[in-house]
Amino acid sequence: MGLRLRHQLKQRQIRPRARKALVLELAERADAHGEHISTTIHELAAVLGCAERTVQRHLHFLLDIGFVERTQTSCGRAAKTEMRINMAALTRLERGAPGKKEISC
């Protein structure tokens, strides 16, 4: 991942902390253009120290606001999903979703 992308994300006011940790982990796994993130929910949960369900909720939020886009998905329990980061949606990430409960680890 490019240093510029990581720096941009670290400076943003993303709440809750668990969501920001997920965003930074996805950015860490991305290439310099924010693409080719290949991971599983299980891997992310292990790295972040959260329950898989918590990671799923935060990832679902990121997909809903368009900050993360799926580019490819495999099937099964340990399904790998390939994603990309859409930096154009960064302002929506900072604002969060009005009326939605914040989720933490």
Protein backbone atom coordinates (compact mmCIF):
# COMPACT_ATOMS: atom_id res chain seq x y z
CA MET A 1 0.00 0.00 0.00
CA GLY A 2 1.20 3.48 -0.76
CA LEU A 3 2.38 5.65 2.10
CA ARG A 4 0.22 8.48 0.82
CA LEU A 5 -2.96 6.39 1.13
CA ARG A 6 -2.12 5.21 4.65
CA HIS A 7 -1.22 8.76 5.72
CA GLN A 8 -4.51 10.11 4.35
CA LEU A 9 -6.50 7.50 6.24
CA LYS A 10 -4.60 7.88 9.53
CA GLN A 11 -5.28 11.63 9.60
CA ARG A 12 -9.05 11.21 9.23
CA GLN A 13 -11.55 11.25 12.07
CA ILE A 14 -13.04 7.80 11.59
CA ARG A 15 -15.19 6.51 14.43
CA PRO A 16 -15.53 4.12 16.16
CA ARG A 17 -11.93 2.99 16.67
CA ALA A 18 -12.70 -0.56 15.54
CA ARG A 19 -13.92 0.76 12.17
CA LYS A 20 -10.78 2.87 11.77
CA ALA A 21 -8.64 -0.17 12.65
CA LEU A 22 -10.44 -2.16 9.94
CA VAL A 23 -9.98 0.63 7.39
CA LEU A 24 -6.24 0.82 8.16
CA GLU A 25 -5.88 -2.97 7.96
CA LEU A 26 -7.61 -3.04 4.57
CA ALA A 27 -5.35 -0.22 3.40
CA GLU A 28 -2.31 -2.15 4.63
CA ARG A 29 -3.33 -5.11 2.48
CA ALA A 30 -3.99 -2.96 -0.61
CA ASP A 31 -1.55 -2.10 -3.36
CA ALA A 32 -0.43 1.50 -4.02
CA HIS A 33 -3.72 2.27 -5.78
CA GLY A 34 -5.95 0.90 -3.00
CA GLU A 35 -6.78 -2.23 -4.99
CA HIS A 36 -6.26 -6.00 -4.81
CA ILE A 37 -7.18 -6.44 -1.14
CA SER A 38 -7.57 -10.20 -0.74
CA THR A 39 -8.62 -11.42 2.70
CA THR A 40 -11.19 -13.30 4.75
CA ILE A 41 -13.40 -12.19 7.64
CA HIS A 42 -11.59 -14.72 9.83
CA GLU A 43 -8.15 -13.24 9.00
CA LEU A 44 -9.34 -9.69 9.69
CA ALA A 45 -10.97 -10.68 12.99
CA ALA A 46 -7.78 -12.41 14.14
CA VAL A 47 -5.58 -9.42 13.31
CA LEU A 48 -7.96 -6.86 14.84
CA GLY A 49 -8.82 -8.92 17.93
CA CYS A 50 -12.55 -8.64 17.24
CA ALA A 51 -15.33 -11.13 16.74
CA GLU A 52 -15.99 -12.14 13.13
CA ARG A 53 -19.51 -10.72 13.41
CA THR A 54 -18.11 -7.31 14.42
CA VAL A 55 -15.80 -7.29 11.39
CA GLN A 56 -18.75 -8.29 9.17
CA ARG A 57 -20.85 -5.37 10.48
CA HIS A 58 -18.09 -2.81 9.95
CA LEU A 59 -17.27 -4.22 6.50
CA HIS A 60 -20.96 -4.14 5.57
CA PHE A 61 -21.07 -0.45 6.59
CA LEU A 62 -17.98 0.29 4.46
CA LEU A 63 -19.59 -1.48 1.49
CA ASP A 64 -22.90 0.38 2.01
CA ILE A 65 -21.29 3.81 1.88
CA GLY A 66 -19.15 2.81 -1.10
CA PHE A 67 -15.78 3.20 0.64
CA VAL A 68 -14.95 -0.43 -0.09
CA GLU A 69 -16.05 -2.19 -3.27
CA ARG A 70 -16.01 -5.95 -3.88
CA THR A 71 -14.22 -6.93 -7.05
CA GLN A 72 -14.30 -10.72 -6.66
CA THR A 73 -15.64 -13.27 -4.16
CA SER A 74 -15.07 -16.99 -3.72
CA CYS A 75 -17.52 -19.36 -2.01
CA GLY A 76 -17.40 -21.31 1.22
CA ARG A 77 -16.71 -20.74 4.91
CA ALA A 78 -13.16 -19.45 4.34
CA ALA A 79 -14.14 -17.45 1.26
CA LYS A 80 -11.55 -14.95 0.10
CA THR A 81 -12.96 -11.65 -1.05
CA GLU A 82 -11.04 -9.26 -3.25
CA MET A 83 -11.86 -5.61 -2.67
CA ARG A 84 -10.69 -2.13 -3.53
CA ILE A 85 -10.79 1.16 -1.61
CA ASN A 86 -12.79 4.02 -3.13
CA MET A 87 -11.14 7.19 -1.80
CA ALA A 88 -13.92 9.31 -3.33
CA ALA A 89 -16.20 8.00 -0.55
CA LEU A 90 -13.87 9.11 2.26
CA THR A 91 -16.12 12.00 3.36
CA ARG A 92 -19.04 9.57 3.80
CA LEU A 93 -16.80 7.41 5.97
CA GLU A 94 -15.97 10.31 8.28
CA ARG A 95 -19.60 11.38 8.62
CA GLY A 96 -20.76 7.85 9.40
CA ALA A 97 -24.33 6.75 8.96
CA PRO A 98 -26.93 8.96 10.62
CA GLY A 99 -29.13 7.09 13.05
CA LYS A 100 -26.94 3.98 13.06
CA LYS A 101 -25.60 2.53 16.29
CA GLU A 102 -21.81 2.64 16.58
CA ILE A 103 -20.23 -0.79 16.89
CA SER A 104 -16.97 -1.52 18.67
CA CYS A 105 -14.97 -4.64 19.46
